[in-house]
C-alpha atoms as a PDB file:
ATOM      1  CA  UNK A   1      27.084 -32.191  49.781  1.00  0.00           C
ATOM      2  CA  UNK A   2      28.732 -32.970  46.540  1.00  0.00           C
ATOM      3  CA  UNK A   3      31.663 -31.063  44.969  1.00  0.00           C
ATOM      4  CA  UNK A   4      31.649 -30.558  41.309  1.00  0.00           C
ATOM      5  CA  UNK A   5      34.300 -32.724  39.648  1.00  0.00           C
ATOM      6  CA  UNK A   6      36.513 -30.895  36.817  1.00  0.00           C
ATOM      7  CA  UNK A   7      37.235 -33.118  34.152  1.00  0.00           C
ATOM      8  CA  UNK A   8      40.733 -33.624  33.274  1.00  0.00           C
ATOM      9  CA  UNK A   9      42.647 -34.955  30.327  1.00  0.00           C
ATOM     10  CA  UNK A  10      44.334 -38.340  30.638  1.00  0.00           C
ATOM     11  CA  UNK A  11      47.655 -36.704  30.713  1.00  0.00           C
ATOM     12  CA  UNK A  12      46.895 -33.930  33.313  1.00  0.00           C
ATOM     13  CA  UNK A  13      45.362 -36.829  35.375  1.00  0.00           C
ATOM     14  CA  UNK A  14      48.631 -38.822  35.319  1.00  0.00           C
ATOM     15  CA  UNK A  15      50.491 -35.832  36.344  1.00  0.00           C
ATOM     16  CA  UNK A  16      47.873 -35.241  39.438  1.00  0.00           C
ATOM     17  CA  UNK A  17      48.372 -38.995  40.357  1.00  0.00           C
ATOM     18  CA  UNK A  18      52.159 -38.739  40.311  1.00  0.00           C
ATOM     19  CA  UNK A  19      51.953 -35.488  42.372  1.00  0.00           C
ATOM     20  CA  UNK A  20      49.932 -37.052  45.055  1.00  0.00           C
ATOM     21  CA  UNK A  21      51.891 -40.331  44.906  1.00  0.00           C
ATOM     22  CA  UNK A  22      48.716 -42.747  44.455  1.00  0.00           C
ATOM     23  CA  UNK A  23      49.990 -46.257  44.483  1.00  0.00           C
ATOM     24  CA  UNK A  24      46.755 -48.332  44.692  1.00  0.00           C
ATOM     25  CA  UNK A  25      45.744 -49.417  40.987  1.00  0.00           C
ATOM     26  CA  UNK A  26      42.228 -49.876  41.822  1.00  0.00           C
ATOM     27  CA  UNK A  27      42.198 -46.345  43.324  1.00  0.00           C
ATOM     28  CA  UNK A  28      43.875 -44.755  40.387  1.00  0.00           C
ATOM     29  CA  UNK A  29      41.409 -46.437  38.021  1.00  0.00           C
ATOM     30  CA  UNK A  30      38.420 -45.474  40.042  1.00  0.00           C
ATOM     31  CA  UNK A  31      39.795 -41.830  40.093  1.00  0.00           C
ATOM     32  CA  UNK A  32      40.495 -41.923  36.369  1.00  0.00           C
ATOM     33  CA  UNK A  33      36.917 -43.029  35.825  1.00  0.00           C
ATOM     34  CA  UNK A  34      35.744 -39.843  37.848  1.00  0.00           C
ATOM     35  CA  UNK A  35      38.122 -37.167  36.676  1.00  0.00           C
ATOM     36  CA  UNK A  36      38.688 -38.171  32.917  1.00  0.00           C
ATOM     37  CA  UNK A  37      35.542 -40.286  32.035  1.00  0.00           C
ATOM     38  CA  UNK A  38      32.888 -38.388  33.997  1.00  0.00           C
ATOM     39  CA  UNK A  39      31.476 -41.306  35.801  1.00  0.00           C
ATOM     40  CA  UNK A  40      29.822 -40.868  39.201  1.00  0.00           C
ATOM     41  CA  UNK A  41      31.693 -41.771  42.382  1.00  0.00           C
ATOM     42  CA  UNK A  42      29.446 -44.333  43.257  1.00  0.00           C
ATOM     43  CA  UNK A  43      29.758 -46.224  39.423  1.00  0.00           C
ATOM     44  CA  UNK A  44      33.310 -45.607  39.822  1.00  0.00           C
ATOM     45  CA  UNK A  45      33.689 -47.401  43.033  1.00  0.00           C
ATOM     46  CA  UNK A  46      31.719 -50.236  41.943  1.00  0.00           C
ATOM     47  CA  UNK A  47      33.435 -50.420  38.648  1.00  0.00           C
ATOM     48  CA  UNK A  48      37.014 -50.471  40.383  1.00  0.00           C
ATOM     49  CA  UNK A  49      36.213 -52.233  43.019  1.00  0.00           C
ATOM     50  CA  UNK A  50      37.204 -49.855  45.941  1.00  0.00           C
ATOM     51  CA  UNK A  51      35.208 -48.852  48.847  1.00  0.00           C
ATOM     52  CA  UNK A  52      33.243 -45.706  48.000  1.00  0.00           C
ATOM     53  CA  UNK A  53      34.201 -43.714  51.190  1.00  0.00           C
ATOM     54  CA  UNK A  54      38.065 -44.195  50.409  1.00  0.00           C
ATOM     55  CA  UNK A  55      37.297 -43.061  46.865  1.00  0.00           C
ATOM     56  CA  UNK A  56      35.374 -40.160  47.988  1.00  0.00           C
ATOM     57  CA  UNK A  57      38.039 -38.849  50.581  1.00  0.00           C
ATOM     58  CA  UNK A  58      41.071 -39.477  47.706  1.00  0.00           C
ATOM     59  CA  UNK A  59      38.896 -37.319  45.191  1.00  0.00           C
ATOM     60  CA  UNK A  60      38.718 -34.762  47.894  1.00  0.00           C
ATOM     61  CA  UNK A  61      42.370 -34.945  48.480  1.00  0.00           C
ATOM     62  CA  UNK A  62      43.180 -34.856  44.659  1.00  0.00           C
ATOM     63  CA  UNK A  63      41.260 -31.653  44.597  1.00  0.00           C
ATOM     64  CA  UNK A  64      43.198 -30.116  47.255  1.00  0.00           C
ATOM     65  CA  UNK A  65      40.360 -30.294  49.675  1.00  0.00           C
ATOM     66  CA  UNK A  66      40.489 -31.718  53.205  1.00  0.00           C
ATOM     67  CA  UNK A  67      39.178 -35.084  52.863  1.00  0.00           C
ATOM     68  CA  UNK A  68      37.220 -34.975  55.911  1.00  0.00           C
ATOM     69  CA  UNK A  69      35.568 -31.691  55.969  1.00  0.00           C
ATOM     70  CA  UNK A  70      35.956 -30.575  52.694  1.00  0.00           C
ATOM     71  CA  UNK A  71      37.927 -27.038  53.280  1.00  0.00           C
ATOM     72  CA  UNK A  72      40.682 -26.115  51.080  1.00  0.00           C
ATOM     73  CA  UNK A  73      44.049 -27.583  52.307  1.00  0.00           C
ATOM     74  CA  UNK A  74      46.814 -24.962  52.926  1.00  0.00           C
ATOM     75  CA  UNK A  75      49.608 -25.072  49.929  1.00  0.00           C
ATOM     76  CA  UNK A  76      52.809 -26.422  50.828  1.00  0.00           C
ATOM     77  CA  UNK A  77      55.572 -23.971  50.406  1.00  0.00           C
ATOM     78  CA  UNK A  78      57.659 -25.028  47.477  1.00  0.00           C
ATOM     79  CA  UNK A  79      61.278 -24.756  47.072  1.00  0.00           C
END
């Protein structure tokens, strides 16, 4: 089951990465290829040299979904 990826601008993607605290440059590049460039997860994982499953889980997390079951994650209380 594949979820639709909503394309982001480069600026919005940078904000998303900062919000989630991603540190791996390779994973950030793979996610950028998916979210900004519209690449498939498979092509992005190969191009950036990251594990496909790890990329898939990271994308789900960035989308606000559980990386394992795909259900929406509860929102954290702000404040």
